[in-house]
């Protein structure tokens, strides 16, 4: 099962072509918050609603727990 930082990395890579600044802008946080989430210092739980609002194809259950499929997103 993927960790929160790994799930975040996957979303940034697939949805924004590794552009963390654009991902941050779309979910309404500063890029420094993304860096903290990537390092595991700050969990994604508080931003799940923002992520789902910006990217409605992402599976909420997968985002919260890592179980199941990420949703209807392109994974290379």
PDB file of N, CA and C in Angstrom:
ATOM      1  N   UNK A   1       0.844  -1.182   0.000  1.00  0.00           N
ATOM      2  CA  UNK A   1       0.000   0.000   0.000  1.00  0.00           C
ATOM      3  C   UNK A   1       0.891   1.248   0.000  1.00  0.00           C
ATOM      4  N   UNK A   2       0.458   2.233  -0.734  1.00  0.00           N
ATOM      5  CA  UNK A   2       1.231   3.476  -0.845  1.00  0.00           C
ATOM      6  C   UNK A   2       1.045   4.343   0.401  1.00  0.00           C
ATOM      7  N   UNK A   3       2.108   5.050   0.772  1.00  0.00           N
ATOM      8  CA  UNK A   3       2.030   6.014   1.866  1.00  0.00           C
ATOM      9  C   UNK A   3       1.373   7.300   1.355  1.00  0.00           C
ATOM     10  N   UNK A   4       1.015   8.186   2.265  1.00  0.00           N
ATOM     11  CA  UNK A   4       0.442   9.477   1.852  1.00  0.00           C
ATOM     12  C   UNK A   4       1.392  10.235   0.926  1.00  0.00           C
ATOM     13  N   UNK A   5       2.683  10.363   1.295  1.00  0.00           N
ATOM     14  CA  UNK A   5       3.586  11.079   0.384  1.00  0.00           C
ATOM     15  C   UNK A   5       3.682  10.411  -0.996  1.00  0.00           C
ATOM     16  N   UNK A   6       3.642   9.092  -1.038  1.00  0.00           N
ATOM     17  CA  UNK A   6       3.687   8.396  -2.325  1.00  0.00           C
ATOM     18  C   UNK A   6       2.429   8.654  -3.147  1.00  0.00           C
ATOM     19  N   UNK A   7       1.273   8.694  -2.479  1.00  0.00           N
ATOM     20  CA  UNK A   7       0.036   9.001  -3.202  1.00  0.00           C
ATOM     21  C   UNK A   7       0.072  10.422  -3.736  1.00  0.00           C
ATOM     22  N   UNK A   8       0.568  11.339  -2.940  1.00  0.00           N
ATOM     23  CA  UNK A   8       0.701  12.729  -3.382  1.00  0.00           C
ATOM     24  C   UNK A   8       1.644  12.818  -4.580  1.00  0.00           C
ATOM     25  N   UNK A   9       2.776  12.144  -4.503  1.00  0.00           N
ATOM     26  CA  UNK A   9       3.733  12.145  -5.615  1.00  0.00           C
ATOM     27  C   UNK A   9       3.076  11.632  -6.895  1.00  0.00           C
ATOM     28  N   UNK A  10       2.312  10.562  -6.785  1.00  0.00           N
ATOM     29  CA  UNK A  10       1.636  10.010  -7.950  1.00  0.00           C
ATOM     30  C   UNK A  10       0.687  11.038  -8.559  1.00  0.00           C
ATOM     31  N   UNK A  11      -0.100  11.698  -7.720  1.00  0.00           N
ATOM     32  CA  UNK A  11      -1.042  12.688  -8.232  1.00  0.00           C
ATOM     33  C   UNK A  11      -0.324  13.839  -8.920  1.00  0.00           C
ATOM     34  N   UNK A  12       0.727  14.345  -8.302  1.00  0.00           N
ATOM     35  CA  UNK A  12       1.456  15.459  -8.903  1.00  0.00           C
ATOM     36  C   UNK A  12       2.066  15.034 -10.237  1.00  0.00           C
ATOM     37  N   UNK A  13       2.622  13.845 -10.281  1.00  0.00           N
ATOM     38  CA  UNK A  13       3.256  13.360 -11.512  1.00  0.00           C
ATOM     39  C   UNK A  13       2.234  13.165 -12.617  1.00  0.00           C
ATOM     40  N   UNK A  14       1.132  12.504 -12.293  1.00  0.00           N
ATOM     41  CA  UNK A  14       0.151  12.146 -13.319  1.00  0.00           C
ATOM     42  C   UNK A  14      -0.726  13.333 -13.711  1.00  0.00           C
ATOM     43  N   UNK A  15      -1.190  14.071 -12.731  1.00  0.00           N
ATOM     44  CA  UNK A  15      -2.157  15.132 -13.014  1.00  0.00           C
ATOM     45  C   UNK A  15      -1.519  16.438 -13.468  1.00  0.00           C
ATOM     46  N   UNK A  16      -0.294  16.702 -13.017  1.00  0.00           N
ATOM     47  CA  UNK A  16       0.336  17.984 -13.345  1.00  0.00           C
ATOM     48  C   UNK A  16       1.736  17.828 -13.922  1.00  0.00           C
ATOM     49  N   UNK A  17       2.081  16.642 -14.404  1.00  0.00           N
ATOM     50  CA  UNK A  17       3.382  16.448 -15.035  1.00  0.00           C
ATOM     51  C   UNK A  17       4.549  16.834 -14.156  1.00  0.00           C
ATOM     52  N   UNK A  18       4.473  16.502 -12.874  1.00  0.00           N
ATOM     53  CA  UNK A  18       5.507  16.808 -11.866  1.00  0.00           C
ATOM     54  C   UNK A  18       5.595  18.290 -11.512  1.00  0.00           C
ATOM     55  N   UNK A  19       4.585  19.075 -11.860  1.00  0.00           N
ATOM     56  CA  UNK A  19       4.595  20.503 -11.565  1.00  0.00           C
ATOM     57  C   UNK A  19       3.891  20.735 -10.221  1.00  0.00           C
ATOM     58  N   UNK A  20       4.683  20.694  -9.145  1.00  0.00           N
ATOM     59  CA  UNK A  20       4.131  20.854  -7.802  1.00  0.00           C
ATOM     60  C   UNK A  20       3.522  22.237  -7.592  1.00  0.00           C
ATOM     61  N   UNK A  21       4.096  23.249  -8.224  1.00  0.00           N
ATOM     62  CA  UNK A  21       3.568  24.611  -8.078  1.00  0.00           C
ATOM     63  C   UNK A  21       2.153  24.698  -8.639  1.00  0.00           C
ATOM     64  N   UNK A  22       1.922  24.066  -9.772  1.00  0.00           N
ATOM     65  CA  UNK A  22       0.580  24.088 -10.371  1.00  0.00           C
ATOM     66  C   UNK A  22      -0.407  23.278  -9.519  1.00  0.00           C
ATOM     67  N   UNK A  23       0.034  22.137  -9.030  1.00  0.00           N
ATOM     68  CA  UNK A  23      -0.807  21.331  -8.145  1.00  0.00           C
ATOM     69  C   UNK A  23      -1.180  22.144  -6.902  1.00  0.00           C
ATOM     70  N   UNK A  24      -0.202  22.800  -6.309  1.00  0.00           N
ATOM     71  CA  UNK A  24      -0.438  23.634  -5.126  1.00  0.00           C
ATOM     72  C   UNK A  24      -1.445  24.740  -5.436  1.00  0.00           C
ATOM     73  N   UNK A  25      -1.254  25.399  -6.568  1.00  0.00           N
ATOM     74  CA  UNK A  25      -2.172  26.482  -6.944  1.00  0.00           C
ATOM     75  C   UNK A  25      -3.595  25.957  -7.057  1.00  0.00           C
ATOM     76  N   UNK A  26      -3.760  24.818  -7.711  1.00  0.00           N
ATOM     77  CA  UNK A  26      -5.105  24.287  -7.940  1.00  0.00           C
ATOM     78  C   UNK A  26      -5.799  23.839  -6.660  1.00  0.00           C
ATOM     79  N   UNK A  27      -5.031  23.400  -5.654  1.00  0.00           N
ATOM     80  CA  UNK A  27      -5.688  22.985  -4.405  1.00  0.00           C
ATOM     81  C   UNK A  27      -5.689  24.094  -3.360  1.00  0.00           C
ATOM     82  N   UNK A  28      -5.096  25.249  -3.723  1.00  0.00           N
ATOM     83  CA  UNK A  28      -5.176  26.418  -2.853  1.00  0.00           C
ATOM     84  C   UNK A  28      -4.207  26.437  -1.687  1.00  0.00           C
ATOM     85  N   UNK A  29      -2.999  25.905  -1.896  1.00  0.00           N
ATOM     86  CA  UNK A  29      -1.976  25.961  -0.850  1.00  0.00           C
ATOM     87  C   UNK A  29      -0.687  26.520  -1.447  1.00  0.00           C
ATOM     88  N   UNK A  30       0.225  26.920  -0.573  1.00  0.00           N
ATOM     89  CA  UNK A  30       1.526  27.363  -1.041  1.00  0.00           C
ATOM     90  C   UNK A  30       2.365  26.142  -1.399  1.00  0.00           C
ATOM     91  N   UNK A  31       3.308  26.348  -2.286  1.00  0.00           N
ATOM     92  CA  UNK A  31       4.176  25.241  -2.700  1.00  0.00           C
ATOM     93  C   UNK A  31       4.948  24.667  -1.513  1.00  0.00           C
ATOM     94  N   UNK A  32       5.241  25.492  -0.522  1.00  0.00           N
ATOM     95  CA  UNK A  32       5.955  24.994   0.663  1.00  0.00           C
ATOM     96  C   UNK A  32       5.119  23.950   1.410  1.00  0.00           C
ATOM     97  N   UNK A  33       3.801  24.077   1.363  1.00  0.00           N
ATOM     98  CA  UNK A  33       2.934  23.067   1.991  1.00  0.00           C
ATOM     99  C   UNK A  33       3.054  21.737   1.260  1.00  0.00           C
ATOM    100  N   UNK A  34       3.189  21.795  -0.063  1.00  0.00           N
ATOM    101  CA  UNK A  34       3.375  20.573  -0.843  1.00  0.00           C
ATOM    102  C   UNK A  34       4.697  19.913  -0.457  1.00  0.00           C
ATOM    103  N   UNK A  35       5.729  20.703  -0.273  1.00  0.00           N
ATOM    104  CA  UNK A  35       7.027  20.162   0.147  1.00  0.00           C
ATOM    105  C   UNK A  35       6.915  19.455   1.491  1.00  0.00           C
ATOM    106  N   UNK A  36       6.176  20.059   2.422  1.00  0.00           N
ATOM    107  CA  UNK A  36       5.985  19.432   3.739  1.00  0.00           C
ATOM    108  C   UNK A  36       5.169  18.154   3.626  1.00  0.00           C
ATOM    109  N   UNK A  37       4.173  18.145   2.741  1.00  0.00           N
ATOM    110  CA  UNK A  37       3.385  16.931   2.535  1.00  0.00           C
ATOM    111  C   UNK A  37       4.243  15.844   1.898  1.00  0.00           C
ATOM    112  N   UNK A  38       5.074  16.220   0.954  1.00  0.00           N
ATOM    113  CA  UNK A  38       5.956  15.254   0.292  1.00  0.00           C
ATOM    114  C   UNK A  38       6.914  14.606   1.279  1.00  0.00           C
ATOM    115  N   UNK A  39       7.380  15.372   2.257  1.00  0.00           N
ATOM    116  CA  UNK A  39       8.342  14.846   3.227  1.00  0.00           C
ATOM    117  C   UNK A  39       7.661  14.081   4.368  1.00  0.00           C
ATOM    118  N   UNK A  40       6.342  14.168   4.425  1.00  0.00           N
ATOM    119  CA  UNK A  40       5.620  13.484   5.489  1.00  0.00           C
ATOM    120  C   UNK A  40       5.435  14.319   6.739  1.00  0.00           C
ATOM    121  N   UNK A  41       5.917  15.560   6.736  1.00  0.00           N
ATOM    122  CA  UNK A  41       5.767  16.438   7.892  1.00  0.00           C
ATOM    123  C   UNK A  41       4.319  16.879   8.089  1.00  0.00           C
ATOM    124  N   UNK A  42       3.599  16.951   6.998  1.00  0.00           N
ATOM    125  CA  UNK A  42       2.233  17.474   6.997  1.00  0.00           C
ATOM    126  C   UNK A  42       1.387  16.492   6.207  1.00  0.00           C
ATOM    127  N   UNK A  43       0.368  15.936   6.834  1.00  0.00           N
ATOM    128  CA  UNK A  43      -0.476  14.962   6.150  1.00  0.00           C
ATOM    129  C   UNK A  43      -1.396  15.599   5.121  1.00  0.00           C
ATOM    130  N   UNK A  44      -1.886  14.786   4.221  1.00  0.00           N
ATOM    131  CA  UNK A  44      -2.792  15.286   3.191  1.00  0.00           C
ATOM    132  C   UNK A  44      -4.239  15.314   3.660  1.00  0.00           C
ATOM    133  N   UNK A  45      -4.508  14.734   4.807  1.00  0.00           N
ATOM    134  CA  UNK A  45      -5.896  14.614   5.274  1.00  0.00           C
ATOM    135  C   UNK A  45      -6.644  15.946   5.327  1.00  0.00           C
ATOM    136  N   UNK A  46      -5.982  16.995   5.763  1.00  0.00           N
ATOM    137  CA  UNK A  46      -6.643  18.306   5.865  1.00  0.00           C
ATOM    138  C   UNK A  46      -6.927  18.919   4.502  1.00  0.00           C
ATOM    139  N   UNK A  47      -6.291  18.410   3.462  1.00  0.00           N
ATOM    140  CA  UNK A  47      -6.465  18.969   2.119  1.00  0.00           C
ATOM    141  C   UNK A  47      -7.214  18.031   1.180  1.00  0.00           C
ATOM    142  N   UNK A  48      -7.765  16.956   1.709  1.00  0.00           N
ATOM    143  CA  UNK A  48      -8.460  15.994   0.844  1.00  0.00           C
ATOM    144  C   UNK A  48      -9.616  16.651   0.099  1.00  0.00           C
ATOM    145  N   UNK A  49     -10.427  17.440   0.778  1.00  0.00           N
ATOM    146  CA  UNK A  49     -11.550  18.097   0.098  1.00  0.00           C
ATOM    147  C   UNK A  49     -11.057  19.017  -1.012  1.00  0.00           C
ATOM    148  N   UNK A  50      -9.978  19.741  -0.758  1.00  0.00           N
ATOM    149  CA  UNK A  50      -9.423  20.633  -1.781  1.00  0.00           C
ATOM    150  C   UNK A  50      -8.906  19.852  -2.973  1.00  0.00           C
ATOM    151  N   UNK A  51      -8.268  18.717  -2.706  1.00  0.00           N
ATOM    152  CA  UNK A  51      -7.749  17.886  -3.798  1.00  0.00           C
ATOM    153  C   UNK A  51      -8.904  17.323  -4.616  1.00  0.00           C
ATOM    154  N   UNK A  52      -9.927  16.818  -3.952  1.00  0.00           N
ATOM    155  CA  UNK A  52     -11.084  16.247  -4.654  1.00  0.00           C
ATOM    156  C   UNK A  52     -11.826  17.332  -5.439  1.00  0.00           C
ATOM    157  N   UNK A  53     -11.943  18.522  -4.884  1.00  0.00           N
ATOM    158  CA  UNK A  53     -12.604  19.615  -5.609  1.00  0.00           C
ATOM    159  C   UNK A  53     -11.839  19.990  -6.868  1.00  0.00           C
ATOM    160  N   UNK A  54     -10.517  20.013  -6.770  1.00  0.00           N
ATOM    161  CA  UNK A  54      -9.690  20.376  -7.932  1.00  0.00           C
ATOM    162  C   UNK A  54      -9.585  19.234  -8.935  1.00  0.00           C
ATOM    163  N   UNK A  55      -9.628  18.012  -8.444  1.00  0.00           N
ATOM    164  CA  UNK A  55      -9.453  16.822  -9.290  1.00  0.00           C
ATOM    165  C   UNK A  55     -10.544  15.806  -8.942  1.00  0.00           C
ATOM    166  N   UNK A  56     -11.765  16.031  -9.392  1.00  0.00           N
ATOM    167  CA  UNK A  56     -12.887  15.172  -8.986  1.00  0.00           C
ATOM    168  C   UNK A  56     -12.776  13.715  -9.433  1.00  0.00           C
ATOM    169  N   UNK A  57     -11.898  13.399 -10.362  1.00  0.00           N
ATOM    170  CA  UNK A  57     -11.747  12.007 -10.808  1.00  0.00           C
ATOM    171  C   UNK A  57     -10.938  11.166  -9.820  1.00  0.00           C
ATOM    172  N   UNK A  58     -10.290  11.817  -8.840  1.00  0.00           N
ATOM    173  CA  UNK A  58      -9.496  11.079  -7.849  1.00  0.00           C
ATOM    174  C   UNK A  58     -10.438  10.382  -6.877  1.00  0.00           C
ATOM    175  N   UNK A  59     -10.144   9.142  -6.591  1.00  0.00           N
ATOM    176  CA  UNK A  59     -10.940   8.328  -5.666  1.00  0.00           C
ATOM    177  C   UNK A  59     -10.637   8.753  -4.224  1.00  0.00           C
ATOM    178  N   UNK A  60     -11.634   9.287  -3.540  1.00  0.00           N
ATOM    179  CA  UNK A  60     -11.468   9.773  -2.165  1.00  0.00           C
ATOM    180  C   UNK A  60     -10.964   8.670  -1.237  1.00  0.00           C
ATOM    181  N   UNK A  61     -11.533   7.474  -1.347  1.00  0.00           N
ATOM    182  CA  UNK A  61     -11.125   6.375  -0.468  1.00  0.00           C
ATOM    183  C   UNK A  61      -9.645   6.051  -0.653  1.00  0.00           C
ATOM    184  N   UNK A  62      -9.187   6.000  -1.907  1.00  0.00           N
ATOM    185  CA  UNK A  62      -7.781   5.737  -2.177  1.00  0.00           C
ATOM    186  C   UNK A  62      -6.916   6.858  -1.596  1.00  0.00           C
ATOM    187  N   UNK A  63      -7.350   8.092  -1.781  1.00  0.00           N
ATOM    188  CA  UNK A  63      -6.585   9.231  -1.288  1.00  0.00           C
ATOM    189  C   UNK A  63      -6.455   9.174   0.235  1.00  0.00           C
ATOM    190  N   UNK A  64      -7.524   8.805   0.916  1.00  0.00           N
ATOM    191  CA  UNK A  64      -7.515   8.750   2.374  1.00  0.00           C
ATOM    192  C   UNK A  64      -6.732   7.561   2.920  1.00  0.00           C
ATOM    193  N   UNK A  65      -6.888   6.393   2.302  1.00  0.00           N
ATOM    194  CA  UNK A  65      -6.337   5.172   2.900  1.00  0.00           C
ATOM    195  C   UNK A  65      -5.240   4.493   2.088  1.00  0.00           C
ATOM    196  N   UNK A  66      -5.189   4.769   0.802  1.00  0.00           N
ATOM    197  CA  UNK A  66      -4.236   4.082  -0.059  1.00  0.00           C
ATOM    198  C   UNK A  66      -4.765   2.768  -0.600  1.00  0.00           C
ATOM    199  N   UNK A  67      -5.963   2.398  -0.208  1.00  0.00           N
ATOM    200  CA  UNK A  67      -6.551   1.148  -0.670  1.00  0.00           C
ATOM    201  C   UNK A  67      -7.386   1.389  -1.915  1.00  0.00           C
ATOM    202  N   UNK A  68      -7.371   0.410  -2.808  1.00  0.00           N
ATOM    203  CA  UNK A  68      -8.160   0.524  -4.021  1.00  0.00           C
ATOM    204  C   UNK A  68      -7.379   1.187  -5.138  1.00  0.00           C
ATOM    205  N   UNK A  69      -8.120   1.825  -6.020  1.00  0.00           N
ATOM    206  CA  UNK A  69      -7.567   2.438  -7.236  1.00  0.00           C
ATOM    207  C   UNK A  69      -7.595   3.956  -7.093  1.00  0.00           C
ATOM    208  N   UNK A  70      -6.592   4.652  -7.660  1.00  0.00           N
ATOM    209  CA  UNK A  70      -6.550   6.109  -7.544  1.00  0.00           C
ATOM    210  C   UNK A  70      -7.721   6.855  -8.173  1.00  0.00           C
ATOM    211  N   UNK A  71      -8.445   6.198  -9.051  1.00  0.00           N
ATOM    212  CA  UNK A  71      -9.576   6.861  -9.706  1.00  0.00           C
ATOM    213  C   UNK A  71      -9.387   6.883 -11.200  1.00  0.00           C
ATOM    214  N   UNK A  72     -10.193   7.679 -11.844  1.00  0.00           N
ATOM    215  CA  UNK A  72     -10.181   7.752 -13.300  1.00  0.00           C
ATOM    216  C   UNK A  72      -9.146   8.787 -13.754  1.00  0.00           C
ATOM    217  N   UNK A  73      -7.877   8.484 -13.454  1.00  0.00           N
ATOM    218  CA  UNK A  73      -6.780   9.345 -13.872  1.00  0.00           C
ATOM    219  C   UNK A  73      -5.847   8.521 -14.723  1.00  0.00           C
ATOM    220  N   UNK A  74      -5.109   9.172 -15.596  1.00  0.00           N
ATOM    221  CA  UNK A  74      -4.149   8.466 -16.452  1.00  0.00           C
ATOM    222  C   UNK A  74      -2.907   8.148 -15.650  1.00  0.00           C
ATOM    223  N   UNK A  75      -2.530   6.903 -15.626  1.00  0.00           N
ATOM    224  CA  UNK A  75      -1.308   6.488 -14.947  1.00  0.00           C
ATOM    225  C   UNK A  75      -0.412   5.859 -15.987  1.00  0.00           C
ATOM    226  N   UNK A  76       0.796   6.447 -16.145  1.00  0.00           N
ATOM    227  CA  UNK A  76       1.711   5.876 -17.144  1.00  0.00           C
ATOM    228  C   UNK A  76       2.530   4.754 -16.569  1.00  0.00           C
TER     229      UNK A  76
END
